[in-house]
Amino acid sequence: MKKVLFVGLGIVFLIAGCKKNGSNPVGPPQTGEDWTFPPGGNKFAVTLVASTSTPAVGSSFDVNVVLYNCSQVFGVSLKVGYAADKVHINEILTGPYLSPDTAAISISKIDSSFSTVSYGATFKAGSASAATTAQSGVLVKLKCTAKQAGSAPFTLAGQEMHIETSDGSPVPGFASIALENDTVAVQ
């Protein structure tokens, strides 16, 4: 019952502020995308990783949201802040962490007025189960374009992040998870 409640509440929470449009597609992992990420060793973290630290104005780059060493993940919701005056978020791609075979559903919202990206994903009921051992991988990719020179931070809103197990409780150790932000210097 908690699983259904978590999934229902998470989807209602995200849908409340979301609208579908052509500039905000979400779907299964794209086969032509690079889903690699830096090794994390034993760190237990949610990390933002930009594909370049110094993009030129007009160039495209990616920012991956990587989960490191998380176990029993069934659903995730998070918010990423960004410098909307320096960067344009073109689209959001669901990564292979929860949906290597489209076994997860996701919803997202790009809100340039508030310089935020909201994202939520959960396994489809009965289609899969969370891994019991710790795993690392790309949860979501933000496809970006640099639009103005200057420092462009990407930050995780920890108070609005939920990483939960199938019964709706936080993943093991969630209270101690590290949040690692990133900044690009648009040239």
N, C-alpha and C. Protein backbone atom coordinates (compact mmCIF):
# COMPACT_ATOMS: atom_id res chain seq x y z
N MET A 1 0.82 -1.19 0.00
CA MET A 1 0.00 0.00 0.00
C MET A 1 0.87 1.26 0.00
N LYS A 2 1.98 1.23 0.80
CA LYS A 2 2.86 2.41 0.83
C LYS A 2 3.47 2.67 -0.54
N LYS A 3 3.81 1.56 -1.28
CA LYS A 3 4.40 1.72 -2.59
C LYS A 3 3.44 2.47 -3.51
N VAL A 4 2.20 2.06 -3.53
CA VAL A 4 1.21 2.71 -4.37
C VAL A 4 1.03 4.16 -3.94
N LEU A 5 1.01 4.40 -2.63
CA LEU A 5 0.86 5.77 -2.12
C LEU A 5 2.05 6.63 -2.54
N PHE A 6 3.28 6.10 -2.40
CA PHE A 6 4.47 6.85 -2.80
C PHE A 6 4.44 7.20 -4.28
N VAL A 7 4.15 6.20 -5.10
CA VAL A 7 4.11 6.42 -6.54
C VAL A 7 3.02 7.43 -6.88
N GLY A 8 1.84 7.25 -6.30
CA GLY A 8 0.73 8.16 -6.57
C GLY A 8 1.02 9.57 -6.13
N LEU A 9 1.53 9.74 -4.92
CA LEU A 9 1.83 11.07 -4.42
C LEU A 9 2.97 11.72 -5.22
N GLY A 10 3.97 10.94 -5.56
CA GLY A 10 5.09 11.48 -6.34
C GLY A 10 4.64 11.97 -7.70
N ILE A 11 3.81 11.18 -8.35
CA ILE A 11 3.33 11.58 -9.68
C ILE A 11 2.40 12.78 -9.57
N VAL A 12 1.51 12.78 -8.59
CA VAL A 12 0.62 13.94 -8.41
C VAL A 12 1.43 15.19 -8.12
N PHE A 13 2.46 15.07 -7.25
CA PHE A 13 3.32 16.21 -6.91
C PHE A 13 3.97 16.80 -8.16
N LEU A 14 4.50 15.93 -9.00
CA LEU A 14 5.19 16.42 -10.19
C LEU A 14 4.23 16.91 -11.26
N ILE A 15 3.11 16.23 -11.44
CA ILE A 15 2.15 16.63 -12.46
C ILE A 15 1.52 17.97 -12.12
N ALA A 16 1.35 18.26 -10.85
CA ALA A 16 0.70 19.51 -10.44
C ALA A 16 1.34 20.73 -11.08
N GLY A 17 2.63 20.71 -11.26
CA GLY A 17 3.30 21.86 -11.85
C GLY A 17 3.81 21.61 -13.25
N CYS A 18 3.49 20.47 -13.84
CA CYS A 18 4.05 20.12 -15.13
C CYS A 18 3.04 20.33 -16.25
N LYS A 19 3.57 20.68 -17.38
CA LYS A 19 2.76 20.72 -18.59
C LYS A 19 3.59 20.11 -19.70
N LYS A 20 2.92 19.40 -20.58
CA LYS A 20 3.62 18.79 -21.70
C LYS A 20 3.82 19.80 -22.81
N ASN A 21 5.01 19.82 -23.35
CA ASN A 21 5.27 20.60 -24.54
C ASN A 21 6.44 19.99 -25.27
N GLY A 22 6.67 20.42 -26.48
CA GLY A 22 7.71 19.82 -27.30
C GLY A 22 9.11 20.04 -26.78
N SER A 23 9.33 21.01 -25.91
CA SER A 23 10.68 21.29 -25.44
C SER A 23 11.03 20.56 -24.15
N ASN A 24 10.17 19.68 -23.69
CA ASN A 24 10.38 19.03 -22.41
C ASN A 24 10.12 17.53 -22.50
N PRO A 25 10.69 16.82 -23.50
CA PRO A 25 10.40 15.40 -23.62
C PRO A 25 11.14 14.56 -22.59
N VAL A 26 10.51 13.48 -22.18
CA VAL A 26 11.12 12.52 -21.28
C VAL A 26 10.83 11.15 -21.86
N GLY A 27 11.82 10.30 -21.90
CA GLY A 27 11.62 8.98 -22.44
C GLY A 27 12.70 8.03 -21.98
N PRO A 28 12.70 6.82 -22.55
CA PRO A 28 13.70 5.84 -22.16
C PRO A 28 15.08 6.29 -22.61
N PRO A 29 16.12 5.69 -22.05
CA PRO A 29 17.48 6.08 -22.42
C PRO A 29 17.68 6.06 -23.92
N GLN A 30 18.34 7.07 -24.43
CA GLN A 30 18.63 7.18 -25.85
C GLN A 30 19.89 6.38 -26.15
N THR A 31 19.83 5.57 -27.20
CA THR A 31 20.95 4.68 -27.49
C THR A 31 22.20 5.42 -27.94
N GLY A 32 22.07 6.58 -28.56
CA GLY A 32 23.23 7.31 -29.03
C GLY A 32 23.89 8.17 -27.96
N GLU A 33 23.34 8.20 -26.78
CA GLU A 33 23.86 9.04 -25.70
C GLU A 33 25.01 8.35 -24.97
N ASP A 34 25.90 9.17 -24.44
CA ASP A 34 27.01 8.68 -23.62
C ASP A 34 26.53 8.66 -22.17
N TRP A 35 26.38 7.49 -21.59
CA TRP A 35 25.89 7.36 -20.21
C TRP A 35 27.02 7.04 -19.24
N THR A 36 28.27 7.26 -19.62
CA THR A 36 29.38 7.02 -18.71
C THR A 36 29.44 8.12 -17.65
N PHE A 37 30.11 7.81 -16.56
CA PHE A 37 30.26 8.75 -15.46
C PHE A 37 31.55 8.42 -14.73
N PRO A 38 32.11 9.41 -14.03
CA PRO A 38 33.37 9.16 -13.32
C PRO A 38 33.20 8.12 -12.22
N PRO A 39 34.23 7.31 -11.98
CA PRO A 39 34.14 6.35 -10.89
C PRO A 39 33.98 7.07 -9.56
N GLY A 40 33.23 6.47 -8.68
CA GLY A 40 32.97 7.12 -7.39
C GLY A 40 33.58 6.41 -6.21
N GLY A 41 34.23 5.27 -6.46
CA GLY A 41 34.79 4.52 -5.33
C GLY A 41 33.69 4.14 -4.37
N ASN A 42 33.92 4.40 -3.10
CA ASN A 42 32.95 4.04 -2.08
C ASN A 42 32.03 5.17 -1.67
N LYS A 43 32.08 6.30 -2.39
CA LYS A 43 31.24 7.42 -1.96
C LYS A 43 29.77 7.07 -2.14
N PHE A 44 28.96 7.63 -1.24
CA PHE A 44 27.51 7.46 -1.24
C PHE A 44 26.96 8.84 -1.51
N ALA A 45 26.55 9.09 -2.78
CA ALA A 45 26.26 10.47 -3.16
C ALA A 45 25.28 10.55 -4.33
N VAL A 46 24.70 11.74 -4.44
CA VAL A 46 24.01 12.16 -5.65
C VAL A 46 24.87 13.29 -6.19
N THR A 47 25.36 13.13 -7.41
CA THR A 47 26.38 14.03 -7.96
C THR A 47 25.94 14.59 -9.30
N LEU A 48 26.17 15.89 -9.49
CA LEU A 48 25.96 16.53 -10.78
C LEU A 48 27.30 16.55 -11.50
N VAL A 49 27.33 16.04 -12.74
CA VAL A 49 28.57 15.94 -13.48
C VAL A 49 28.37 16.56 -14.87
N ALA A 50 29.02 17.70 -15.12
CA ALA A 50 28.95 18.35 -16.43
C ALA A 50 29.93 17.68 -17.40
N SER A 51 29.53 17.59 -18.66
CA SER A 51 30.40 16.98 -19.66
C SER A 51 31.60 17.86 -20.00
N THR A 52 31.51 19.15 -19.71
CA THR A 52 32.63 20.07 -19.86
C THR A 52 32.51 21.14 -18.78
N SER A 53 33.63 21.63 -18.31
CA SER A 53 33.60 22.68 -17.29
C SER A 53 33.67 24.07 -17.90
N THR A 54 33.97 24.15 -19.22
CA THR A 54 34.11 25.47 -19.86
C THR A 54 33.46 25.48 -21.24
N PRO A 55 32.14 25.39 -21.32
CA PRO A 55 31.51 25.45 -22.63
C PRO A 55 31.56 26.86 -23.21
N ALA A 56 31.62 26.95 -24.52
CA ALA A 56 31.59 28.25 -25.20
C ALA A 56 30.13 28.67 -25.41
N VAL A 57 29.89 29.98 -25.43
CA VAL A 57 28.54 30.48 -25.71
C VAL A 57 28.06 29.87 -27.02
N GLY A 58 26.85 29.33 -27.01
CA GLY A 58 26.27 28.71 -28.19
C GLY A 58 26.52 27.22 -28.30
N SER A 59 27.43 26.69 -27.50
CA SER A 59 27.73 25.26 -27.59
C SER A 59 26.80 24.45 -26.69
N SER A 60 26.69 23.18 -27.02
CA SER A 60 25.87 22.26 -26.24
C SER A 60 26.74 21.47 -25.27
N PHE A 61 26.16 21.12 -24.14
CA PHE A 61 26.84 20.26 -23.17
C PHE A 61 25.77 19.56 -22.34
N ASP A 62 26.19 18.56 -21.58
CA ASP A 62 25.27 17.78 -20.76
C ASP A 62 25.63 17.92 -19.29
N VAL A 63 24.63 17.75 -18.45
CA VAL A 63 24.86 17.62 -17.01
C VAL A 63 24.12 16.35 -16.59
N ASN A 64 24.89 15.37 -16.10
CA ASN A 64 24.30 14.11 -15.62
C ASN A 64 24.06 14.17 -14.13
N VAL A 65 22.94 13.59 -13.71
CA VAL A 65 22.67 13.37 -12.29
C VAL A 65 23.01 11.91 -12.04
N VAL A 66 24.06 11.68 -11.24
CA VAL A 66 24.57 10.32 -11.00
C VAL A 66 24.29 9.92 -9.56
N LEU A 67 23.75 8.73 -9.39
CA LEU A 67 23.60 8.15 -8.05
C LEU A 67 24.78 7.21 -7.85
N TYR A 68 25.46 7.36 -6.71
CA TYR A 68 26.59 6.50 -6.38
C TYR A 68 26.25 5.62 -5.18
N ASN A 69 26.41 4.31 -5.38
CA ASN A 69 26.31 3.32 -4.31
C ASN A 69 24.99 3.36 -3.55
N CYS A 70 23.90 3.49 -4.28
CA CYS A 70 22.57 3.46 -3.66
C CYS A 70 21.97 2.08 -3.85
N SER A 71 21.31 1.58 -2.82
CA SER A 71 20.66 0.28 -2.92
C SER A 71 19.17 0.41 -2.65
N GLN A 72 18.42 -0.55 -3.16
CA GLN A 72 16.99 -0.67 -2.96
C GLN A 72 16.20 0.53 -3.50
N VAL A 73 16.73 1.21 -4.52
CA VAL A 73 16.06 2.39 -5.09
C VAL A 73 14.88 1.93 -5.93
N PHE A 74 13.69 2.40 -5.58
CA PHE A 74 12.47 2.11 -6.33
C PHE A 74 11.93 3.38 -6.98
N GLY A 75 12.12 4.52 -6.31
CA GLY A 75 11.64 5.78 -6.84
C GLY A 75 12.50 6.95 -6.39
N VAL A 76 12.55 7.98 -7.24
CA VAL A 76 13.37 9.16 -6.96
C VAL A 76 12.60 10.40 -7.38
N SER A 77 12.69 11.46 -6.56
CA SER A 77 12.25 12.78 -7.01
C SER A 77 13.30 13.79 -6.55
N LEU A 78 13.59 14.76 -7.43
CA LEU A 78 14.61 15.74 -7.10
C LEU A 78 14.38 17.03 -7.87
N LYS A 79 15.07 18.07 -7.42
CA LYS A 79 15.03 19.36 -8.08
C LYS A 79 16.46 19.86 -8.23
N VAL A 80 16.78 20.36 -9.44
CA VAL A 80 18.10 20.91 -9.74
C VAL A 80 17.92 22.38 -10.09
N GLY A 81 18.68 23.23 -9.40
CA GLY A 81 18.69 24.65 -9.73
C GLY A 81 19.81 24.93 -10.72
N TYR A 82 19.59 25.90 -11.59
CA TYR A 82 20.62 26.25 -12.58
C TYR A 82 20.53 27.73 -12.89
N ALA A 83 21.54 28.26 -13.53
CA ALA A 83 21.60 29.69 -13.88
C ALA A 83 20.92 29.89 -15.23
N ALA A 84 19.61 30.18 -15.21
CA ALA A 84 18.84 30.31 -16.44
C ALA A 84 19.30 31.48 -17.31
N ASP A 85 19.99 32.44 -16.72
CA ASP A 85 20.51 33.55 -17.52
C ASP A 85 21.76 33.15 -18.32
N LYS A 86 22.43 32.07 -17.89
CA LYS A 86 23.66 31.62 -18.55
C LYS A 86 23.46 30.36 -19.39
N VAL A 87 22.46 29.56 -19.01
CA VAL A 87 22.28 28.24 -19.61
C VAL A 87 20.81 28.03 -19.98
N HIS A 88 20.59 27.39 -21.10
CA HIS A 88 19.25 26.97 -21.49
C HIS A 88 19.20 25.45 -21.40
N ILE A 89 18.20 24.91 -20.72
CA ILE A 89 18.00 23.45 -20.67
C ILE A 89 17.10 23.10 -21.85
N ASN A 90 17.61 22.33 -22.79
CA ASN A 90 16.86 21.97 -24.00
C ASN A 90 15.91 20.81 -23.78
N GLU A 91 16.39 19.79 -23.07
CA GLU A 91 15.56 18.62 -22.81
C GLU A 91 16.14 17.81 -21.67
N ILE A 92 15.33 16.89 -21.20
CA ILE A 92 15.71 16.01 -20.10
C ILE A 92 15.58 14.58 -20.59
N LEU A 93 16.65 13.79 -20.44
CA LEU A 93 16.62 12.39 -20.85
C LEU A 93 16.71 11.51 -19.61
N THR A 94 15.85 10.51 -19.55
CA THR A 94 15.92 9.55 -18.46
C THR A 94 17.10 8.63 -18.70
N GLY A 95 17.93 8.48 -17.69
CA GLY A 95 19.12 7.65 -17.81
C GLY A 95 18.85 6.19 -17.55
N PRO A 96 19.85 5.36 -17.69
CA PRO A 96 19.69 3.92 -17.53
C PRO A 96 19.62 3.42 -16.08
N TYR A 97 19.84 4.31 -15.08
CA TYR A 97 19.87 3.83 -13.70
C TYR A 97 18.58 3.10 -13.31
N LEU A 98 17.44 3.71 -13.52
CA LEU A 98 16.17 3.05 -13.19
C LEU A 98 15.51 2.41 -14.39
N SER A 99 15.91 2.76 -15.59
CA SER A 99 15.14 2.27 -16.73
C SER A 99 16.00 1.72 -17.87
N PRO A 100 16.83 0.73 -17.60
CA PRO A 100 17.64 0.20 -18.69
C PRO A 100 16.78 -0.45 -19.77
N ASP A 101 15.59 -0.90 -19.42
CA ASP A 101 14.69 -1.52 -20.40
C ASP A 101 13.31 -0.89 -20.34
N THR A 102 13.26 0.39 -20.05
CA THR A 102 12.01 1.16 -19.91
C THR A 102 11.11 0.60 -18.82
N ALA A 103 11.70 0.04 -17.77
CA ALA A 103 10.94 -0.50 -16.66
C ALA A 103 10.52 0.58 -15.67
N ALA A 104 10.83 1.83 -15.96
CA ALA A 104 10.46 2.92 -15.07
C ALA A 104 9.63 3.94 -15.83
N ILE A 105 8.84 4.69 -15.07
CA ILE A 105 8.12 5.82 -15.64
C ILE A 105 8.70 7.08 -15.02
N SER A 106 8.69 8.16 -15.79
CA SER A 106 9.27 9.39 -15.27
C SER A 106 8.47 10.58 -15.75
N ILE A 107 8.67 11.68 -15.06
CA ILE A 107 8.03 12.94 -15.41
C ILE A 107 9.00 14.05 -15.03
N SER A 108 8.98 15.13 -15.81
CA SER A 108 9.91 16.21 -15.53
C SER A 108 9.31 17.55 -15.91
N LYS A 109 9.95 18.59 -15.42
CA LYS A 109 9.52 19.95 -15.73
C LYS A 109 10.75 20.85 -15.76
N ILE A 110 10.87 21.63 -16.82
CA ILE A 110 11.90 22.66 -16.91
C ILE A 110 11.19 23.98 -16.65
N ASP A 111 11.61 24.70 -15.63
CA ASP A 111 10.98 25.99 -15.30
C ASP A 111 12.05 27.08 -15.31
N SER A 112 12.24 27.70 -16.48
CA SER A 112 13.27 28.72 -16.60
C SER A 112 12.94 29.98 -15.81
N SER A 113 11.66 30.20 -15.50
CA SER A 113 11.27 31.36 -14.69
C SER A 113 11.84 31.27 -13.28
N PHE A 114 11.92 30.04 -12.76
CA PHE A 114 12.45 29.82 -11.42
C PHE A 114 13.81 29.15 -11.44
N SER A 115 14.39 28.98 -12.63
CA SER A 115 15.71 28.37 -12.80
C SER A 115 15.81 27.00 -12.14
N THR A 116 14.80 26.16 -12.39
CA THR A 116 14.79 24.82 -11.80
C THR A 116 14.36 23.77 -12.81
N VAL A 117 14.83 22.56 -12.56
CA VAL A 117 14.39 21.37 -13.25
C VAL A 117 13.88 20.43 -12.18
N SER A 118 12.64 19.95 -12.32
CA SER A 118 12.08 18.96 -11.40
C SER A 118 12.00 17.63 -12.14
N TYR A 119 12.33 16.55 -11.44
CA TYR A 119 12.36 15.24 -12.06
C TYR A 119 11.91 14.19 -11.06
N GLY A 120 11.13 13.24 -11.54
CA GLY A 120 10.73 12.12 -10.71
C GLY A 120 10.64 10.87 -11.56
N ALA A 121 11.01 9.74 -10.99
CA ALA A 121 10.94 8.46 -11.70
C ALA A 121 10.68 7.35 -10.69
N THR A 122 9.97 6.35 -11.14
CA THR A 122 9.70 5.18 -10.31
C THR A 122 9.54 3.97 -11.21
N PHE A 123 9.82 2.80 -10.67
CA PHE A 123 9.56 1.58 -11.41
C PHE A 123 8.06 1.44 -11.61
N LYS A 124 7.66 0.83 -12.71
CA LYS A 124 6.26 0.50 -12.93
C LYS A 124 5.91 -0.64 -11.98
N ALA A 125 4.74 -0.58 -11.38
CA ALA A 125 4.31 -1.63 -10.46
C ALA A 125 4.39 -2.99 -11.16
N GLY A 126 5.07 -3.94 -10.53
CA GLY A 126 5.16 -5.29 -11.03
C GLY A 126 6.14 -5.52 -12.16
N SER A 127 6.77 -4.46 -12.70
CA SER A 127 7.65 -4.65 -13.85
C SER A 127 9.10 -4.91 -13.46
N ALA A 128 9.48 -4.49 -12.28
CA ALA A 128 10.86 -4.65 -11.86
C ALA A 128 10.94 -4.49 -10.36
N SER A 129 12.09 -4.78 -9.83
CA SER A 129 12.29 -4.54 -8.42
C SER A 129 13.65 -3.89 -8.24
N ALA A 130 13.76 -3.10 -7.22
CA ALA A 130 15.00 -2.38 -6.95
C ALA A 130 16.11 -3.36 -6.62
N ALA A 131 17.33 -3.04 -7.04
CA ALA A 131 18.48 -3.87 -6.73
C ALA A 131 18.75 -3.83 -5.23
N THR A 132 19.03 -4.96 -4.65
CA THR A 132 19.29 -4.99 -3.21
C THR A 132 20.72 -4.56 -2.89
N THR A 133 21.63 -4.70 -3.84
CA THR A 133 23.01 -4.27 -3.60
C THR A 133 23.22 -2.86 -4.12
N ALA A 134 24.22 -2.20 -3.59
CA ALA A 134 24.50 -0.82 -3.99
C ALA A 134 24.90 -0.76 -5.46
N GLN A 135 24.31 0.19 -6.17
CA GLN A 135 24.63 0.39 -7.58
C GLN A 135 24.84 1.86 -7.86
N SER A 136 25.59 2.14 -8.92
CA SER A 136 25.84 3.50 -9.36
C SER A 136 25.42 3.64 -10.81
N GLY A 137 24.97 4.85 -11.20
CA GLY A 137 24.61 5.07 -12.58
C GLY A 137 23.98 6.42 -12.80
N VAL A 138 23.77 6.75 -14.07
CA VAL A 138 23.17 8.02 -14.46
C VAL A 138 21.66 7.89 -14.33
N LEU A 139 21.07 8.73 -13.50
CA LEU A 139 19.63 8.77 -13.32
C LEU A 139 18.97 9.59 -14.42
N VAL A 140 19.54 10.76 -14.70
CA VAL A 140 18.93 11.67 -15.67
C VAL A 140 20.03 12.54 -16.29
N LYS A 141 19.79 12.96 -17.54
CA LYS A 141 20.73 13.84 -18.23
C LYS A 141 20.00 15.11 -18.65
N LEU A 142 20.60 16.25 -18.32
CA LEU A 142 20.09 17.54 -18.75
C LEU A 142 20.88 17.94 -20.00
N LYS A 143 20.20 18.13 -21.11
CA LYS A 143 20.82 18.57 -22.36
C LYS A 143 20.78 20.09 -22.36
N CYS A 144 21.94 20.74 -22.37
CA CYS A 144 22.04 22.19 -22.17
C CYS A 144 22.69 22.89 -23.35
N THR A 145 22.42 24.20 -23.44
CA THR A 145 23.12 25.09 -24.36
C THR A 145 23.61 26.29 -23.56
N ALA A 146 24.90 26.61 -23.71
CA ALA A 146 25.47 27.79 -23.04
C ALA A 146 24.98 29.03 -23.78
N LYS A 147 24.43 30.01 -23.05
CA LYS A 147 23.89 31.17 -23.74
C LYS A 147 24.50 32.51 -23.37
N GLN A 148 25.22 32.58 -22.25
CA GLN A 148 25.86 33.84 -21.86
C GLN A 148 27.08 33.55 -21.01
N ALA A 149 28.16 34.28 -21.21
CA ALA A 149 29.40 34.05 -20.47
C ALA A 149 29.21 34.31 -18.98
N GLY A 150 29.91 33.51 -18.19
CA GLY A 150 29.89 33.67 -16.74
C GLY A 150 29.78 32.33 -16.03
N SER A 151 29.77 32.39 -14.72
CA SER A 151 29.68 31.20 -13.87
C SER A 151 28.23 30.71 -13.84
N ALA A 152 28.05 29.41 -14.09
CA ALA A 152 26.72 28.81 -14.13
C ALA A 152 26.67 27.60 -13.21
N PRO A 153 26.27 27.80 -11.94
CA PRO A 153 26.18 26.67 -11.02
C PRO A 153 24.95 25.81 -11.27
N PHE A 154 25.10 24.53 -11.02
CA PHE A 154 24.00 23.56 -11.01
C PHE A 154 23.97 23.01 -9.59
N THR A 155 22.82 23.09 -8.93
CA THR A 155 22.74 22.70 -7.51
C THR A 155 21.55 21.78 -7.26
N LEU A 156 21.75 20.83 -6.36
CA LEU A 156 20.70 19.92 -5.93
C LEU A 156 19.98 20.51 -4.73
N ALA A 157 18.66 20.49 -4.74
CA ALA A 157 17.87 20.96 -3.60
C ALA A 157 17.63 19.78 -2.67
N GLY A 158 18.49 19.63 -1.68
CA GLY A 158 18.43 18.48 -0.78
C GLY A 158 17.13 18.32 -0.04
N GLN A 159 16.52 19.43 0.36
CA GLN A 159 15.27 19.35 1.11
C GLN A 159 14.11 18.85 0.25
N GLU A 160 14.28 18.85 -1.06
CA GLU A 160 13.22 18.39 -1.97
C GLU A 160 13.59 17.08 -2.66
N MET A 161 14.62 16.40 -2.17
CA MET A 161 15.05 15.15 -2.76
C MET A 161 14.51 13.97 -1.96
N HIS A 162 14.01 12.99 -2.70
CA HIS A 162 13.53 11.75 -2.09
C HIS A 162 14.08 10.59 -2.92
N ILE A 163 14.71 9.66 -2.24
CA ILE A 163 15.17 8.43 -2.87
C ILE A 163 14.63 7.33 -1.99
N GLU A 164 13.65 6.56 -2.51
CA GLU A 164 12.89 5.67 -1.65
C GLU A 164 12.87 4.23 -2.15
N THR A 165 12.62 3.34 -1.21
CA THR A 165 12.50 1.92 -1.49
C THR A 165 11.07 1.62 -1.92
N SER A 166 10.80 0.36 -2.24
CA SER A 166 9.47 -0.01 -2.73
C SER A 166 8.37 0.17 -1.68
N ASP A 167 8.72 0.23 -0.40
CA ASP A 167 7.68 0.45 0.62
C ASP A 167 7.53 1.93 0.99
N GLY A 168 8.22 2.82 0.26
CA GLY A 168 8.08 4.25 0.49
C GLY A 168 9.01 4.83 1.53
N SER A 169 9.88 4.03 2.10
CA SER A 169 10.82 4.55 3.10
C SER A 169 12.11 4.98 2.40
N PRO A 170 12.87 5.90 3.01
CA PRO A 170 14.13 6.33 2.40
C PRO A 170 15.09 5.15 2.21
N VAL A 171 15.92 5.22 1.16
CA VAL A 171 16.90 4.16 0.94
C VAL A 171 17.85 4.09 2.14
N PRO A 172 18.44 2.93 2.37
CA PRO A 172 19.36 2.80 3.50
C PRO A 172 20.46 3.86 3.48
N GLY A 173 20.61 4.57 4.60
CA GLY A 173 21.65 5.58 4.74
C GLY A 173 21.31 6.94 4.16
N PHE A 174 20.07 7.15 3.69
CA PHE A 174 19.72 8.39 3.00
C PHE A 174 20.06 9.64 3.81
N ALA A 175 19.95 9.59 5.11
CA ALA A 175 20.24 10.77 5.94
C ALA A 175 21.69 11.22 5.80
N SER A 176 22.58 10.32 5.37
CA SER A 176 24.00 10.69 5.26
C SER A 176 24.47 10.82 3.81
N ILE A 177 23.56 10.83 2.85
CA ILE A 177 23.97 10.90 1.45
C ILE A 177 24.58 12.27 1.15
N ALA A 178 25.67 12.27 0.40
CA ALA A 178 26.33 13.53 0.02
C ALA A 178 25.67 14.08 -1.24
N LEU A 179 25.51 15.39 -1.28
CA LEU A 179 25.00 16.07 -2.47
C LEU A 179 26.16 16.85 -3.07
N GLU A 180 26.52 16.51 -4.31
CA GLU A 180 27.67 17.14 -4.95
C GLU A 180 27.21 17.93 -6.17
N ASN A 181 27.33 19.25 -6.07
CA ASN A 181 26.92 20.17 -7.12
C ASN A 181 28.06 20.36 -8.12
N ASP A 182 27.79 21.08 -9.20
CA ASP A 182 28.82 21.35 -10.20
C ASP A 182 28.59 22.75 -10.75
N THR A 183 29.64 23.34 -11.28
CA THR A 183 29.56 24.67 -11.89
C THR A 183 30.32 24.63 -13.20
N VAL A 184 29.73 25.24 -14.23
CA VAL A 184 30.45 25.41 -15.48
C VAL A 184 30.77 26.90 -15.65
N ALA A 185 31.84 27.17 -16.33
CA ALA A 185 32.25 28.55 -16.61
C ALA A 185 32.04 28.80 -18.11
N VAL A 186 30.91 29.40 -18.45
CA VAL A 186 30.60 29.64 -19.85
C VAL A 186 31.57 30.68 -20.39
N GLN A 187 32.22 30.36 -21.50
CA GLN A 187 33.24 31.22 -22.12
C GLN A 187 32.68 32.03 -23.25
